[in-house]
Amino acid sequence: MTSTSKSLDQSQEKRLAAAKSLEYVRDGMCLGLGSGSTAAIMVEMLAERIRQGLKVRGIPSSEGTRTLAHRLGIPLLTFDEVTELDLTIDGADQATDQLDLIKGGGGALLREKVVASLSKRVIIIIDSTKRTNRLGAFPLPVEVVRFAWRPLSERIRRLGAKPELRMTSCGQPFVTDEGHYILDCDFGVIEDPRALAQELNASPGVMEHGLFVNLADILVVGRRGGVDVVESPRRWRERL
């Protein structure tokens, strides 16, 4: 298969996953709007449904998504107006069938995690290349305060990682929407995502990390010819 064919297949898988996720959307919902390429496809499809009469409002998980949603005419809210979301649809850089995730390749992990944590149900949409048995092939993004990124990098190194400061194409440190730096940390295979998440959570100066555990309810995987839907074994916080 040529690289062009693979790219076309991946694009189609993203579209299949995005379309499937919108089957869970109902009139009147407050939605969390995820970030990344697959989530962007979902946002575009959602905008088309709104033009056809669907009545929903959204909270974007990044400035990029906010810009896209505003351009497409999707009504937007802030957490000054609501305290809970009915549903969030977002992507992931890696996902297991246990619904453990690595997110943050686009740099929006802090807002993404806040939006997910305030949602009754979270749907993750990916193409088949993002599905894995164990996390770790994708470096784990860790969002840190700018003034102490070097000592924090060394602290993370002692946890067994090879951290690198994320840079822009212009050779400057990447800065998140919240004004922080990101360390992309190669831990190799992450055997215990929950334990590592606890270690990072306990480190002052680490503002957030890309391990999303116990947050997703449904994983929708686009694949050639259809989609796979994996539901979390844990009880949903509230069924729709």
C-alpha atoms as a PDB file:
ATOM      1  CA  MET A   1       0.000   0.000   0.000  1.00  0.00           C
ATOM      2  CA  THR A   2       1.377   3.419  -0.947  1.00  0.00           C
ATOM      3  CA  SER A   3       1.702   6.276   1.533  1.00  0.00           C
ATOM      4  CA  THR A   4      -1.080   8.106  -0.338  1.00  0.00           C
ATOM      5  CA  SER A   5      -3.399   5.115   0.038  1.00  0.00           C
ATOM      6  CA  LYS A   6      -2.589   4.868   3.742  1.00  0.00           C
ATOM      7  CA  SER A   7      -3.327   8.569   4.185  1.00  0.00           C
ATOM      8  CA  LEU A   8      -6.659   8.233   2.389  1.00  0.00           C
ATOM      9  CA  ASP A   9      -7.578   5.192   4.483  1.00  0.00           C
ATOM     10  CA  GLN A  10      -6.666   7.033   7.696  1.00  0.00           C
ATOM     11  CA  SER A  11      -8.725  10.065   6.656  1.00  0.00           C
ATOM     12  CA  GLN A  12     -11.723   7.850   5.936  1.00  0.00           C
ATOM     13  CA  GLU A  13     -11.340   6.078   9.280  1.00  0.00           C
ATOM     14  CA  LYS A  14     -11.358   9.438  11.056  1.00  0.00           C
ATOM     15  CA  ARG A  15     -14.547  10.413   9.253  1.00  0.00           C
ATOM     16  CA  LEU A  16     -16.222   7.116  10.159  1.00  0.00           C
ATOM     17  CA  ALA A  17     -15.329   7.546  13.843  1.00  0.00           C
ATOM     18  CA  ALA A  18     -16.453  11.185  13.888  1.00  0.00           C
ATOM     19  CA  ALA A  19     -19.787  10.368  12.240  1.00  0.00           C
ATOM     20  CA  LYS A  20     -20.449   7.521  14.684  1.00  0.00           C
ATOM     21  CA  SER A  21     -19.796   9.740  17.704  1.00  0.00           C
ATOM     22  CA  LEU A  22     -22.480  12.187  16.610  1.00  0.00           C
ATOM     23  CA  GLU A  23     -25.104   9.456  16.956  1.00  0.00           C
ATOM     24  CA  TYR A  24     -24.843  10.095  20.712  1.00  0.00           C
ATOM     25  CA  VAL A  25     -25.659  13.810  20.398  1.00  0.00           C
ATOM     26  CA  ARG A  26     -29.178  14.977  21.268  1.00  0.00           C
ATOM     27  CA  ASP A  27     -31.043  18.292  21.070  1.00  0.00           C
ATOM     28  CA  GLY A  28     -30.372  20.618  23.975  1.00  0.00           C
ATOM     29  CA  MET A  29     -27.018  19.151  24.934  1.00  0.00           C
ATOM     30  CA  CYS A  30     -24.029  21.107  26.172  1.00  0.00           C
ATOM     31  CA  LEU A  31     -21.034  19.551  24.444  1.00  0.00           C
ATOM     32  CA  GLY A  32     -17.304  19.511  25.040  1.00  0.00           C
ATOM     33  CA  LEU A  33     -15.592  20.008  21.682  1.00  0.00           C
ATOM     34  CA  GLY A  34     -12.258  18.217  21.478  1.00  0.00           C
ATOM     35  CA  SER A  35      -9.025  19.121  19.721  1.00  0.00           C
ATOM     36  CA  GLY A  36      -6.944  17.522  17.009  1.00  0.00           C
ATOM     37  CA  SER A  37      -7.532  16.343  13.453  1.00  0.00           C
ATOM     38  CA  THR A  38     -10.248  13.766  14.164  1.00  0.00           C
ATOM     39  CA  ALA A  39     -12.081  16.101  16.530  1.00  0.00           C
ATOM     40  CA  ALA A  40     -11.928  18.830  13.887  1.00  0.00           C
ATOM     41  CA  ILE A  41     -13.759  16.532  11.458  1.00  0.00           C
ATOM     42  CA  MET A  42     -16.386  15.924  14.143  1.00  0.00           C
ATOM     43  CA  VAL A  43     -16.786  19.677  14.690  1.00  0.00           C
ATOM     44  CA  GLU A  44     -17.327  20.202  10.964  1.00  0.00           C
ATOM     45  CA  MET A  45     -19.952  17.433  10.873  1.00  0.00           C
ATOM     46  CA  LEU A  46     -21.611  18.852  13.982  1.00  0.00           C
ATOM     47  CA  ALA A  47     -21.846  22.267  12.327  1.00  0.00           C
ATOM     48  CA  GLU A  48     -23.655  20.703   9.379  1.00  0.00           C
ATOM     49  CA  ARG A  49     -26.184  19.089  11.725  1.00  0.00           C
ATOM     50  CA  ILE A  50     -26.702  22.446  13.459  1.00  0.00           C
ATOM     51  CA  ARG A  51     -27.442  24.020  10.077  1.00  0.00           C
ATOM     52  CA  GLN A  52     -30.043  21.273   9.627  1.00  0.00           C
ATOM     53  CA  GLY A  53     -31.747  22.222  12.897  1.00  0.00           C
ATOM     54  CA  LEU A  54     -29.885  20.520  15.765  1.00  0.00           C
ATOM     55  CA  LYS A  55     -29.831  22.728  18.855  1.00  0.00           C
ATOM     56  CA  VAL A  56     -26.676  22.302  20.942  1.00  0.00           C
ATOM     57  CA  ARG A  57     -24.020  24.498  22.514  1.00  0.00           C
ATOM     58  CA  GLY A  58     -20.353  23.747  22.983  1.00  0.00           C
ATOM     59  CA  ILE A  59     -17.306  24.478  25.087  1.00  0.00           C
ATOM     60  CA  PRO A  60     -14.057  24.144  23.092  1.00  0.00           C
ATOM     61  CA  SER A  61     -11.013  22.432  24.597  1.00  0.00           C
ATOM     62  CA  SER A  62      -8.482  24.641  22.799  1.00  0.00           C
ATOM     63  CA  GLU A  63      -8.190  28.009  21.112  1.00  0.00           C
ATOM     64  CA  GLY A  64      -7.843  26.217  17.780  1.00  0.00           C
ATOM     65  CA  THR A  65     -11.178  24.468  18.291  1.00  0.00           C
ATOM     66  CA  ARG A  66     -12.754  27.707  19.475  1.00  0.00           C
ATOM     67  CA  THR A  67     -11.684  29.434  16.261  1.00  0.00           C
ATOM     68  CA  LEU A  68     -12.971  26.583  14.094  1.00  0.00           C
ATOM     69  CA  ALA A  69     -16.306  26.300  15.924  1.00  0.00           C
ATOM     70  CA  HIS A  70     -16.875  30.061  15.811  1.00  0.00           C
ATOM     71  CA  ARG A  71     -16.143  30.148  12.066  1.00  0.00           C
ATOM     72  CA  LEU A  72     -18.610  27.307  11.479  1.00  0.00           C
ATOM     73  CA  GLY A  73     -21.360  28.986  13.477  1.00  0.00           C
ATOM     74  CA  ILE A  74     -21.500  26.606  16.449  1.00  0.00           C
ATOM     75  CA  PRO A  75     -22.961  28.369  19.540  1.00  0.00           C
ATOM     76  CA  LEU A  76     -20.321  28.462  22.271  1.00  0.00           C
ATOM     77  CA  LEU A  77     -20.399  28.672  26.060  1.00  0.00           C
ATOM     78  CA  THR A  78     -17.892  29.110  28.866  1.00  0.00           C
ATOM     79  CA  PHE A  79     -17.743  27.500  32.303  1.00  0.00           C
ATOM     80  CA  ASP A  80     -18.968  30.818  33.671  1.00  0.00           C
ATOM     81  CA  GLU A  81     -22.322  29.834  32.148  1.00  0.00           C
ATOM     82  CA  VAL A  82     -22.481  26.092  32.896  1.00  0.00           C
ATOM     83  CA  THR A  83     -20.799  23.841  35.439  1.00  0.00           C
ATOM     84  CA  GLU A  84     -21.299  20.470  33.754  1.00  0.00           C
ATOM     85  CA  LEU A  85     -21.383  19.117  30.209  1.00  0.00           C
ATOM     86  CA  ASP A  86     -23.650  16.394  28.865  1.00  0.00           C
ATOM     87  CA  LEU A  87     -21.083  14.917  26.510  1.00  0.00           C
ATOM     88  CA  THR A  88     -17.537  15.505  25.312  1.00  0.00           C
ATOM     89  CA  ILE A  89     -16.183  14.141  22.044  1.00  0.00           C
ATOM     90  CA  ASP A  90     -12.406  14.237  21.671  1.00  0.00           C
ATOM     91  CA  GLY A  91      -9.534  12.442  19.998  1.00  0.00           C
ATOM     92  CA  ALA A  92      -6.410  10.757  21.365  1.00  0.00           C
ATOM     93  CA  ASP A  93      -2.838  10.063  20.317  1.00  0.00           C
ATOM     94  CA  GLN A  94      -3.025   6.536  21.720  1.00  0.00           C
ATOM     95  CA  ALA A  95      -5.887   4.537  23.224  1.00  0.00           C
ATOM     96  CA  THR A  96      -6.255   1.035  24.647  1.00  0.00           C
ATOM     97  CA  ASP A  97      -9.412  -1.049  24.826  1.00  0.00           C
ATOM     98  CA  GLN A  98      -9.303  -0.410  28.595  1.00  0.00           C
ATOM     99  CA  LEU A  99      -9.841   3.246  27.621  1.00  0.00           C
ATOM    100  CA  ASP A 100      -6.492   4.431  28.926  1.00  0.00           C
ATOM    101  CA  LEU A 101      -5.271   7.288  26.744  1.00  0.00           C
ATOM    102  CA  ILE A 102      -2.321   9.442  25.855  1.00  0.00           C
ATOM    103  CA  LYS A 103      -3.374  12.910  24.723  1.00  0.00           C
ATOM    104  CA  GLY A 104      -1.647  16.233  24.230  1.00  0.00           C
ATOM    105  CA  GLY A 105       0.100  15.906  20.902  1.00  0.00           C
ATOM    106  CA  GLY A 106      -1.534  19.179  19.925  1.00  0.00           C
ATOM    107  CA  GLY A 107      -0.667  20.827  23.235  1.00  0.00           C
ATOM    108  CA  ALA A 108      -4.197  21.264  24.629  1.00  0.00           C
ATOM    109  CA  LEU A 109      -4.040  18.536  27.286  1.00  0.00           C
ATOM    110  CA  LEU A 110      -4.843  20.739  30.298  1.00  0.00           C
ATOM    111  CA  ARG A 111      -8.061  22.160  28.848  1.00  0.00           C
ATOM    112  CA  GLU A 112      -8.941  18.787  27.348  1.00  0.00           C
ATOM    113  CA  LYS A 113      -8.692  17.101  30.737  1.00  0.00           C
ATOM    114  CA  VAL A 114     -10.717  19.800  32.488  1.00  0.00           C
ATOM    115  CA  VAL A 115     -13.468  19.569  29.861  1.00  0.00           C
ATOM    116  CA  ALA A 116     -13.505  15.758  30.055  1.00  0.00           C
ATOM    117  CA  SER A 117     -13.605  15.740  33.854  1.00  0.00           C
ATOM    118  CA  LEU A 118     -16.671  18.020  33.857  1.00  0.00           C
ATOM    119  CA  SER A 119     -18.613  15.852  31.403  1.00  0.00           C
ATOM    120  CA  LYS A 120     -21.241  13.216  32.178  1.00  0.00           C
ATOM    121  CA  ARG A 121     -19.964  11.080  29.318  1.00  0.00           C
ATOM    122  CA  VAL A 122     -16.753  11.173  27.270  1.00  0.00           C
ATOM    123  CA  ILE A 123     -16.407   9.650  23.810  1.00  0.00           C
ATOM    124  CA  ILE A 124     -12.950   9.228  22.294  1.00  0.00           C
ATOM    125  CA  ILE A 125     -12.696   8.985  18.498  1.00  0.00           C
ATOM    126  CA  ILE A 126      -9.595   7.638  16.739  1.00  0.00           C
ATOM    127  CA  ASP A 127      -8.466   5.966  13.554  1.00  0.00           C
ATOM    128  CA  SER A 128      -7.093   2.433  13.751  1.00  0.00           C
ATOM    129  CA  THR A 129      -3.448   3.546  13.876  1.00  0.00           C
ATOM    130  CA  LYS A 130      -4.035   5.065  17.350  1.00  0.00           C
ATOM    131  CA  ARG A 131      -5.363   1.837  18.885  1.00  0.00           C
ATOM    132  CA  THR A 132      -2.827  -0.066  20.975  1.00  0.00           C
ATOM    133  CA  ASN A 133      -2.494  -2.757  23.615  1.00  0.00           C
ATOM    134  CA  ARG A 134      -0.100  -0.730  25.761  1.00  0.00           C
ATOM    135  CA  LEU A 135       0.650   2.970  25.970  1.00  0.00           C
ATOM    136  CA  GLY A 136       4.073   4.434  25.387  1.00  0.00           C
ATOM    137  CA  ALA A 137       4.909   4.394  21.687  1.00  0.00           C
ATOM    138  CA  PHE A 138       3.745   8.037  21.614  1.00  0.00           C
ATOM    139  CA  PRO A 139       5.861  10.247  23.946  1.00  0.00           C
ATOM    140  CA  LEU A 140       3.870  11.410  26.945  1.00  0.00           C
ATOM    141  CA  PRO A 141       3.289  15.192  26.966  1.00  0.00           C
ATOM    142  CA  VAL A 142       3.793  16.796  30.374  1.00  0.00           C
ATOM    143  CA  GLU A 143       2.771  20.445  30.788  1.00  0.00           C
ATOM    144  CA  VAL A 144       5.055  22.325  33.185  1.00  0.00           C
ATOM    145  CA  VAL A 145       5.565  25.857  34.481  1.00  0.00           C
ATOM    146  CA  ARG A 146       7.997  27.755  32.323  1.00  0.00           C
ATOM    147  CA  PHE A 147      10.302  29.112  35.023  1.00  0.00           C
ATOM    148  CA  ALA A 148      11.276  25.646  36.320  1.00  0.00           C
ATOM    149  CA  TRP A 149      11.143  23.460  33.243  1.00  0.00           C
ATOM    150  CA  ARG A 150      14.789  22.393  33.513  1.00  0.00           C
ATOM    151  CA  PRO A 151      14.662  21.001  37.086  1.00  0.00           C
ATOM    152  CA  LEU A 152      11.248  19.505  36.366  1.00  0.00           C
ATOM    153  CA  SER A 153      12.716  17.808  33.316  1.00  0.00           C
ATOM    154  CA  GLU A 154      15.411  16.290  35.511  1.00  0.00           C
ATOM    155  CA  ARG A 155      12.829  15.144  38.056  1.00  0.00           C
ATOM    156  CA  ILE A 156      10.860  13.412  35.310  1.00  0.00           C
ATOM    157  CA  ARG A 157      14.062  11.866  34.011  1.00  0.00           C
ATOM    158  CA  ARG A 158      14.490  10.194  37.395  1.00  0.00           C
ATOM    159  CA  LEU A 159      11.103   8.539  36.858  1.00  0.00           C
ATOM    160  CA  GLY A 160      12.612   6.707  33.903  1.00  0.00           C
ATOM    161  CA  ALA A 161      11.800   9.032  31.005  1.00  0.00           C
ATOM    162  CA  LYS A 162      13.757  10.802  28.315  1.00  0.00           C
ATOM    163  CA  PRO A 163      12.134  14.253  28.324  1.00  0.00           C
ATOM    164  CA  GLU A 164      12.550  16.800  25.550  1.00  0.00           C
ATOM    165  CA  LEU A 165      11.303  20.371  25.551  1.00  0.00           C
ATOM    166  CA  ARG A 166       8.752  20.773  22.754  1.00  0.00           C
ATOM    167  CA  MET A 167       9.848  23.342  20.186  1.00  0.00           C
ATOM    168  CA  THR A 168       8.035  25.185  17.402  1.00  0.00           C
ATOM    169  CA  SER A 169       9.067  25.114  13.759  1.00  0.00           C
ATOM    170  CA  CYS A 170      10.684  28.515  14.393  1.00  0.00           C
ATOM    171  CA  GLY A 171      13.040  27.035  16.966  1.00  0.00           C
ATOM    172  CA  GLN A 172      11.276  28.554  19.979  1.00  0.00           C
ATOM    173  CA  PRO A 173       9.744  26.664  22.925  1.00  0.00           C
ATOM    174  CA  PHE A 174       6.126  25.699  22.282  1.00  0.00           C
ATOM    175  CA  VAL A 175       3.787  27.604  24.622  1.00  0.00           C
ATOM    176  CA  THR A 176       0.369  26.168  25.514  1.00  0.00           C
ATOM    177  CA  ASP A 177      -2.901  28.100  25.544  1.00  0.00           C
ATOM    178  CA  GLU A 178      -2.376  28.468  29.304  1.00  0.00           C
ATOM    179  CA  GLY A 179       1.161  29.859  28.920  1.00  0.00           C
ATOM    180  CA  HIS A 180       3.152  26.759  29.917  1.00  0.00           C
ATOM    181  CA  TYR A 181       5.858  24.612  28.312  1.00  0.00           C
ATOM    182  CA  ILE A 182       5.505  20.974  27.311  1.00  0.00           C
ATOM    183  CA  LEU A 183       8.021  18.207  27.913  1.00  0.00           C
ATOM    184  CA  ASP A 184       7.555  15.269  25.551  1.00  0.00           C
ATOM    185  CA  CYS A 185       8.636  12.307  27.667  1.00  0.00           C
ATOM    186  CA  ASP A 186       9.646   8.938  26.269  1.00  0.00           C
ATOM    187  CA  PHE A 187       8.905   6.397  29.014  1.00  0.00           C
ATOM    188  CA  GLY A 188       8.958   3.413  26.690  1.00  0.00           C
ATOM    189  CA  VAL A 189       6.102   1.028  27.392  1.00  0.00           C
ATOM    190  CA  ILE A 190       3.999   2.398  30.269  1.00  0.00           C
ATOM    191  CA  GLU A 191       3.151  -0.704  32.274  1.00  0.00           C
ATOM    192  CA  ASP A 192       1.040   1.054  34.912  1.00  0.00           C
ATOM    193  CA  PRO A 193      -0.554   4.283  33.611  1.00  0.00           C
ATOM    194  CA  ARG A 194      -2.383   4.930  36.884  1.00  0.00           C
ATOM    195  CA  ALA A 195       0.747   4.723  38.994  1.00  0.00           C
ATOM    196  CA  LEU A 196       2.663   7.018  36.656  1.00  0.00           C
ATOM    197  CA  ALA A 197      -0.231   9.480  36.613  1.00  0.00           C
ATOM    198  CA  GLN A 198      -0.145   9.607  40.414  1.00  0.00           C
ATOM    199  CA  GLU A 199       3.615  10.241  40.394  1.00  0.00           C
ATOM    200  CA  LEU A 200       3.238  13.149  37.984  1.00  0.00           C
ATOM    201  CA  ASN A 201       0.201  14.547  39.797  1.00  0.00           C
ATOM    202  CA  ALA A 202       2.260  14.734  42.993  1.00  0.00           C
ATOM    203  CA  SER A 203       5.038  16.832  41.432  1.00  0.00           C
ATOM    204  CA  PRO A 204       4.768  20.603  42.063  1.00  0.00           C
ATOM    205  CA  GLY A 205       5.222  22.513  38.837  1.00  0.00           C
ATOM    206  CA  VAL A 206       3.648  19.821  36.699  1.00  0.00           C
ATOM    207  CA  MET A 207       0.460  21.544  35.607  1.00  0.00           C
ATOM    208  CA  GLU A 208      -0.957  18.533  33.743  1.00  0.00           C
ATOM    209  CA  HIS A 209       0.067  15.420  31.828  1.00  0.00           C
ATOM    210  CA  GLY A 210      -1.315  13.501  28.899  1.00  0.00           C
ATOM    211  CA  LEU A 211      -2.282  10.309  30.710  1.00  0.00           C
ATOM    212  CA  PHE A 212      -6.079  10.170  30.689  1.00  0.00           C
ATOM    213  CA  VAL A 213      -7.249   7.317  32.922  1.00  0.00           C
ATOM    214  CA  ASN A 214     -10.753   6.769  34.312  1.00  0.00           C
ATOM    215  CA  LEU A 215     -12.113   9.575  32.146  1.00  0.00           C
ATOM    216  CA  ALA A 216     -13.364   8.015  28.897  1.00  0.00           C
ATOM    217  CA  ASP A 217     -16.627   6.095  28.644  1.00  0.00           C
ATOM    218  CA  ILE A 218     -16.683   5.058  25.001  1.00  0.00           C
ATOM    219  CA  LEU A 219     -13.932   4.496  22.441  1.00  0.00           C
ATOM    220  CA  VAL A 220     -14.931   4.709  18.772  1.00  0.00           C
ATOM    221  CA  VAL A 221     -12.307   3.344  16.396  1.00  0.00           C
ATOM    222  CA  GLY A 222     -12.626   3.974  12.684  1.00  0.00           C
ATOM    223  CA  ARG A 223     -11.274   1.102  10.622  1.00  0.00           C
ATOM    224  CA  ARG A 224     -11.440  -0.006   7.028  1.00  0.00           C
ATOM    225  CA  GLY A 225     -15.047  -0.893   6.354  1.00  0.00           C
ATOM    226  CA  GLY A 226     -16.628   0.342   9.572  1.00  0.00           C
ATOM    227  CA  VAL A 227     -16.140   1.232  13.234  1.00  0.00           C
ATOM    228  CA  ASP A 228     -15.492  -0.583  16.490  1.00  0.00           C
ATOM    229  CA  VAL A 229     -17.192   0.710  19.645  1.00  0.00           C
ATOM    230  CA  VAL A 230     -15.629  -0.164  23.002  1.00  0.00           C
ATOM    231  CA  GLU A 231     -17.483   0.778  26.180  1.00  0.00           C
ATOM    232  CA  SER A 232     -15.770   1.289  29.508  1.00  0.00           C
ATOM    233  CA  PRO A 233     -16.441  -1.437  32.078  1.00  0.00           C
ATOM    234  CA  ARG A 234     -16.771   1.184  34.779  1.00  0.00           C
ATOM    235  CA  ARG A 235     -20.226   2.584  35.512  1.00  0.00           C
ATOM    236  CA  TRP A 236     -20.978   5.847  33.748  1.00  0.00           C
ATOM    237  CA  ARG A 237     -21.428   8.822  35.981  1.00  0.00           C
ATOM    238  CA  GLU A 238     -24.861   9.346  34.498  1.00  0.00           C
ATOM    239  CA  ARG A 239     -26.510   7.551  31.610  1.00  0.00           C
ATOM    240  CA  LEU A 240     -28.129   9.743  28.995  1.00  0.00           C
END
